N, C-alpha and C. Protein backbone atom coordinates (compact mmCIF):
# COMPACT_ATOMS: atom_id res chain seq x y z
N MET A 1 -4.85 8.18 -12.27
CA MET A 1 -4.42 8.08 -10.37
C MET A 1 -3.61 7.90 -10.07
N ASN A 2 -3.14 9.08 -9.40
CA ASN A 2 -1.67 7.94 -8.18
C ASN A 2 -2.96 7.73 -7.35
N GLU A 3 -2.20 7.16 -6.37
CA GLU A 3 -2.58 6.09 -4.34
C GLU A 3 -2.85 7.41 -3.35
N SER A 4 -1.91 8.55 -3.66
CA SER A 4 -1.85 9.39 -3.09
C SER A 4 -3.56 10.51 -3.20
N ARG A 5 -3.72 10.77 -4.52
CA ARG A 5 -5.16 11.28 -5.04
C ARG A 5 -6.20 10.79 -4.60
N ILE A 6 -6.00 9.27 -4.27
CA ILE A 6 -7.44 8.46 -3.59
C ILE A 6 -6.96 8.80 -2.58
N LYS A 7 -6.19 8.89 -1.83
CA LYS A 7 -6.40 8.87 -0.60
C LYS A 7 -7.12 10.24 -0.06
N GLU A 8 -6.72 11.17 -0.73
CA GLU A 8 -7.12 12.17 -0.82
C GLU A 8 -8.49 12.85 -0.39
N ILE A 9 -8.90 12.07 -1.89
CA ILE A 9 -10.24 11.92 -2.43
C ILE A 9 -11.51 11.56 -0.99
N LYS A 10 -11.16 10.20 -0.97
CA LYS A 10 -11.06 9.42 -0.22
C LYS A 10 -11.76 9.99 1.66
N ASN A 11 -10.71 10.22 2.00
CA ASN A 11 -10.48 10.88 2.96
C ASN A 11 -11.81 12.42 3.22
N THR A 12 -12.03 12.88 2.06
CA THR A 12 -12.46 14.10 1.96
C THR A 12 -14.23 12.95 2.23
N TRP A 13 -14.15 12.60 1.53
CA TRP A 13 -15.76 12.21 1.37
C TRP A 13 -16.18 11.13 2.16
N GLN A 14 -15.55 10.70 3.46
CA GLN A 14 -15.25 9.90 4.29
C GLN A 14 -15.59 10.46 5.37
N LYS A 15 -15.01 11.98 5.40
CA LYS A 15 -15.25 12.60 6.88
C LYS A 15 -16.56 13.61 6.56
N LYS A 16 -17.29 13.14 5.64
CA LYS A 16 -18.67 13.91 4.86
C LYS A 16 -19.49 12.73 5.77
N GLY A 17 -19.17 11.29 5.65
CA GLY A 17 -20.18 9.69 6.19
C GLY A 17 -20.14 9.35 4.95
N PHE A 18 -18.99 9.35 4.63
CA PHE A 18 -19.25 8.50 2.67
C PHE A 18 -18.60 7.00 2.47
N LYS A 19 -19.12 6.09 2.43
CA LYS A 19 -18.17 4.69 2.34
C LYS A 19 -17.08 4.48 1.00
N CYS A 20 -16.25 3.55 0.68
CA CYS A 20 -15.54 4.48 -0.12
C CYS A 20 -15.58 2.38 -0.85
N GLU A 21 -15.50 2.83 -1.77
CA GLU A 21 -15.08 0.43 -1.87
C GLU A 21 -14.31 0.89 -3.47
N ILE A 22 -14.05 -0.09 -3.48
CA ILE A 22 -13.82 -0.76 -5.28
C ILE A 22 -15.05 -1.83 -5.63
N SER A 23 -15.52 -0.83 -7.41
CA SER A 23 -16.46 -1.72 -7.93
C SER A 23 -15.62 -2.47 -9.51
N ILE A 24 -15.62 -3.41 -9.49
CA ILE A 24 -15.36 -4.36 -10.76
C ILE A 24 -16.59 -4.42 -11.65
N THR A 25 -17.17 -4.00 -12.56
CA THR A 25 -17.10 -4.25 -13.66
C THR A 25 -17.42 -5.34 -15.55
N PRO A 26 -17.37 -6.27 -15.14
CA PRO A 26 -16.17 -6.81 -16.23
C PRO A 26 -16.70 -6.29 -17.65
N PRO A 27 -16.42 -6.90 -18.92
CA PRO A 27 -16.83 -5.90 -19.33
C PRO A 27 -17.81 -6.11 -20.50
N GLY A 28 -18.43 -5.67 -21.30
CA GLY A 28 -20.10 -5.42 -21.62
C GLY A 28 -20.94 -5.87 -20.89
N GLU A 29 -20.77 -5.96 -19.58
CA GLU A 29 -22.30 -5.74 -18.03
C GLU A 29 -22.28 -4.01 -18.31
N SER A 30 -23.64 -4.05 -17.69
CA SER A 30 -23.44 -2.67 -17.46
C SER A 30 -24.77 -2.98 -15.75
N TRP A 31 -24.91 -1.83 -15.16
CA TRP A 31 -25.69 -1.86 -13.91
C TRP A 31 -26.61 0.14 -14.12
N SER A 32 -27.55 -0.03 -13.42
CA SER A 32 -27.93 1.20 -13.43
C SER A 32 -28.80 1.11 -12.58
N SER A 33 -29.49 2.35 -11.95
CA SER A 33 -29.50 3.00 -10.54
C SER A 33 -31.26 3.84 -10.94
N ASP A 34 -32.25 3.78 -10.19
CA ASP A 34 -33.54 4.90 -10.45
C ASP A 34 -33.10 6.06 -9.56
N GLY A 35 -32.04 5.71 -8.67
CA GLY A 35 -31.02 6.58 -8.07
C GLY A 35 -31.12 7.23 -6.55
N HIS A 36 -30.74 6.55 -5.67
CA HIS A 36 -30.65 7.24 -4.36
C HIS A 36 -30.48 8.48 -3.02
N GLU A 37 -31.24 7.68 -2.31
CA GLU A 37 -30.95 9.39 -1.02
C GLU A 37 -30.28 9.93 -1.03
N THR A 38 -28.59 9.56 -0.97
CA THR A 38 -27.65 11.10 -0.81
C THR A 38 -27.09 10.73 -2.06
N ASP A 39 -26.13 11.69 -2.72
CA ASP A 39 -25.21 11.72 -3.36
C ASP A 39 -24.42 10.67 -3.58
N GLU A 40 -23.80 10.15 -4.77
CA GLU A 40 -22.77 9.66 -4.49
C GLU A 40 -21.48 9.87 -6.00
N VAL A 41 -19.95 9.06 -5.66
CA VAL A 41 -19.01 9.51 -7.49
C VAL A 41 -18.20 8.58 -6.63
N ILE A 42 -18.85 8.76 -8.75
CA ILE A 42 -17.64 7.39 -9.18
C ILE A 42 -15.93 8.53 -9.55
N ILE A 43 -15.36 7.06 -9.45
CA ILE A 43 -13.96 7.83 -10.01
C ILE A 43 -13.03 6.34 -11.09
N PRO A 44 -13.47 5.80 -12.60
CA PRO A 44 -12.88 5.03 -12.90
C PRO A 44 -10.83 5.60 -13.16
N LEU A 45 -10.35 4.05 -12.68
CA LEU A 45 -10.03 3.77 -12.55
C LEU A 45 -8.91 2.82 -13.62
N GLU A 46 -9.83 1.79 -13.98
CA GLU A 46 -9.57 1.12 -15.17
C GLU A 46 -10.68 0.90 -15.90
N GLY A 47 -9.90 0.46 -17.04
CA GLY A 47 -11.02 0.36 -18.99
C GLY A 47 -11.78 1.67 -19.13
N GLU A 48 -12.62 1.35 -19.97
CA GLU A 48 -13.16 1.83 -20.28
C GLU A 48 -14.62 2.02 -20.11
N LEU A 49 -15.84 3.03 -19.68
CA LEU A 49 -17.42 2.81 -18.83
C LEU A 49 -17.71 3.80 -19.73
N GLU A 50 -18.74 3.65 -20.04
CA GLU A 50 -19.69 4.49 -20.67
C GLU A 50 -21.28 4.95 -19.57
N LEU A 51 -21.25 5.94 -19.22
CA LEU A 51 -22.42 6.20 -18.32
C LEU A 51 -23.89 7.43 -19.19
N SER A 52 -24.63 6.68 -19.01
CA SER A 52 -25.91 7.35 -18.93
C SER A 52 -26.19 8.02 -18.11
N LEU A 53 -26.44 9.70 -18.12
CA LEU A 53 -26.42 10.38 -17.18
C LEU A 53 -26.92 11.35 -17.16
N GLN A 54 -28.65 12.22 -16.79
CA GLN A 54 -29.01 13.53 -16.90
C GLN A 54 -29.37 13.76 -18.55
N GLY A 55 -29.87 13.18 -19.43
CA GLY A 55 -30.60 12.21 -20.43
C GLY A 55 -28.91 12.71 -21.56
N LYS A 56 -27.73 12.88 -21.07
CA LYS A 56 -26.76 12.80 -21.33
C LYS A 56 -26.07 11.18 -21.76
N THR A 57 -25.60 10.33 -22.39
CA THR A 57 -24.18 9.39 -22.12
C THR A 57 -23.07 10.11 -22.91
N PHE A 58 -22.37 9.56 -21.77
CA PHE A 58 -20.53 9.81 -22.79
C PHE A 58 -20.17 9.08 -21.79
N ARG A 59 -18.16 8.82 -22.23
CA ARG A 59 -17.58 7.94 -22.11
C ARG A 59 -16.31 8.75 -20.55
N SER A 60 -16.56 7.82 -19.78
CA SER A 60 -15.92 8.63 -18.71
C SER A 60 -14.03 8.59 -19.37
N THR A 61 -13.60 9.70 -18.54
CA THR A 61 -11.86 9.32 -18.47
C THR A 61 -10.99 8.96 -17.13
N ILE A 62 -10.09 7.94 -17.13
CA ILE A 62 -9.63 7.48 -15.55
C ILE A 62 -9.30 8.98 -15.32
N GLY A 63 -9.66 8.65 -13.28
CA GLY A 63 -8.88 9.41 -12.95
C GLY A 63 -11.12 10.85 -12.33
N GLU A 64 -11.22 11.01 -13.96
CA GLU A 64 -12.05 12.27 -13.91
C GLU A 64 -13.54 11.55 -12.64
N GLU A 65 -13.69 11.93 -11.04
CA GLU A 65 -14.15 12.21 -10.80
C GLU A 65 -15.55 12.95 -11.01
N ILE A 66 -16.46 11.83 -11.09
CA ILE A 66 -18.31 12.10 -11.48
C ILE A 66 -19.47 12.03 -10.05
N ILE A 67 -19.81 13.36 -10.06
CA ILE A 67 -20.83 13.80 -8.79
C ILE A 67 -22.41 13.02 -9.94
N ILE A 68 -22.27 12.35 -9.31
CA ILE A 68 -24.34 11.38 -9.70
C ILE A 68 -25.07 12.54 -8.29
N PRO A 69 -25.69 13.31 -8.60
CA PRO A 69 -26.95 13.84 -7.70
C PRO A 69 -28.35 13.14 -6.99
N ALA A 70 -27.90 12.94 -5.73
CA ALA A 70 -29.05 12.11 -5.36
C ALA A 70 -30.82 12.55 -6.13
N GLY A 71 -30.71 11.31 -6.39
CA GLY A 71 -31.89 11.12 -6.91
C GLY A 71 -31.95 10.82 -8.49
N GLU A 72 -30.91 11.03 -9.02
CA GLU A 72 -31.31 11.13 -10.45
C GLU A 72 -30.34 9.36 -11.01
N PRO A 73 -30.97 8.97 -11.47
CA PRO A 73 -31.66 8.08 -12.83
C PRO A 73 -30.24 7.67 -13.92
N HIS A 74 -29.24 6.99 -13.48
CA HIS A 74 -28.31 6.52 -14.26
C HIS A 74 -27.98 5.01 -14.58
N THR A 75 -26.78 5.29 -15.63
CA THR A 75 -26.61 3.39 -15.89
C THR A 75 -25.05 3.53 -16.08
N PHE A 76 -24.10 2.80 -16.04
CA PHE A 76 -23.12 2.29 -16.49
C PHE A 76 -22.98 0.93 -17.15
N LYS A 77 -22.06 1.19 -18.54
CA LYS A 77 -21.42 -0.12 -19.08
C LYS A 77 -19.85 -0.35 -19.19
N SER A 78 -19.29 -1.10 -19.08
CA SER A 78 -18.66 -1.68 -18.77
C SER A 78 -17.83 -1.85 -20.67
N VAL A 79 -17.54 -0.63 -21.79
CA VAL A 79 -16.76 -0.69 -23.02
C VAL A 79 -15.94 -1.44 -23.98
N GLY A 80 -15.14 -1.53 -22.96
CA GLY A 80 -13.91 -2.33 -23.36
C GLY A 80 -14.13 -3.14 -22.94
N ASN A 81 -12.49 -3.76 -23.22
CA ASN A 81 -12.31 -5.21 -23.25
C ASN A 81 -11.47 -5.80 -22.55
N VAL A 82 -11.67 -5.03 -21.14
CA VAL A 82 -11.25 -5.17 -19.60
C VAL A 82 -12.37 -4.92 -18.58
N ALA A 83 -12.28 -5.13 -17.97
CA ALA A 83 -12.89 -5.24 -16.62
C ALA A 83 -12.89 -3.47 -16.43
N SER A 84 -14.45 -2.50 -15.69
CA SER A 84 -13.44 -0.92 -15.43
C SER A 84 -13.50 -1.32 -13.90
N ARG A 85 -12.97 -0.88 -13.69
CA ARG A 85 -12.62 -0.26 -11.96
C ARG A 85 -12.67 0.56 -11.59
N VAL A 86 -13.56 1.18 -11.08
CA VAL A 86 -14.19 2.23 -9.93
C VAL A 86 -14.15 2.14 -9.17
N TYR A 87 -13.68 3.32 -8.53
CA TYR A 87 -13.75 3.41 -7.59
C TYR A 87 -15.35 4.24 -6.75
N TRP A 88 -15.67 3.57 -5.56
CA TRP A 88 -17.08 4.22 -5.88
C TRP A 88 -16.93 4.49 -4.20
N ILE A 89 -17.49 6.14 -4.52
CA ILE A 89 -17.66 6.38 -3.02
C ILE A 89 -19.89 7.03 -2.60
N TYR A 90 -20.41 5.84 -1.63
CA TYR A 90 -21.90 6.71 -2.31
C TYR A 90 -21.56 6.66 -0.09
N GLY A 91 -22.96 7.43 -0.03
CA GLY A 91 -23.76 7.11 0.99
C GLY A 91 -25.20 6.63 2.09
N TYR A 92 -25.49 6.44 1.00
CA TYR A 92 -25.98 5.47 1.96
C TYR A 92 -26.24 3.34 2.03
N GLU A 93 -27.10 2.85 2.82
CA GLU A 93 -27.20 1.60 3.50
C GLU A 93 -26.91 0.69 1.84
N HIS A 94 -26.30 -0.27 2.09
CA HIS A 94 -26.31 -1.26 1.27
C HIS A 94 -25.97 -2.60 1.77
N GLU A 95 -26.54 -3.16 1.41
CA GLU A 95 -26.42 -5.17 1.88
C GLU A 95 -25.52 -5.87 0.76
N GLU A 96 -24.34 -6.40 1.06
CA GLU A 96 -23.32 -7.41 0.10
C GLU A 96 -24.31 -7.47 -0.40
N GLY A 97 -24.11 -7.31 -1.89
CA GLY A 97 -25.36 -7.56 -3.42
C GLY A 97 -25.26 -7.20 -3.70
N VAL A 98 -26.28 -6.26 -2.67
CA VAL A 98 -27.50 -5.30 -2.41
C VAL A 98 -27.97 -3.86 -2.60
N THR A 99 -27.28 -3.67 -3.54
CA THR A 99 -27.00 -1.94 -3.91
C THR A 99 -28.18 -1.26 -4.23
N GLY A 100 -29.66 -1.35 -4.65
CA GLY A 100 -30.48 -0.36 -4.72
C GLY A 100 -29.79 -0.19 -6.27
N THR A 101 -28.81 -1.08 -6.91
CA THR A 101 -28.96 -1.00 -8.45
C THR A 101 -29.46 -2.37 -9.15
N ARG A 102 -29.58 -2.50 -10.45
CA ARG A 102 -29.99 -3.33 -11.24
C ARG A 102 -28.71 -3.84 -12.16
N LYS A 103 -28.39 -5.00 -12.54
CA LYS A 103 -27.50 -5.07 -13.12
C LYS A 103 -28.41 -5.51 -15.13
N ASN A 104 -28.13 -4.90 -16.22
CA ASN A 104 -29.20 -4.90 -17.04
C ASN A 104 -28.69 -6.49 -18.16
């Protein structure tokens, strides 16, 4: 995904009041959430990511815009040999290191 497309996506979501940041998950690690009060968006930028959402498990592709509906439990796992790097777009508050998620 090129930088101009990332900037376009970021600007669109920021206008809606969402925050945008890069999240890195080392190989073999996973994290999960019982859901949040707002939608969130994950855009894989590097690595291999397995996602469990709405009763289905699938592997994401680089540049895919994955929308996670508000309140929806979800799990991500970095399944490749390199860390998964994703663009994380969210509309809820969190403290550094405390995201309402838990590492598995």
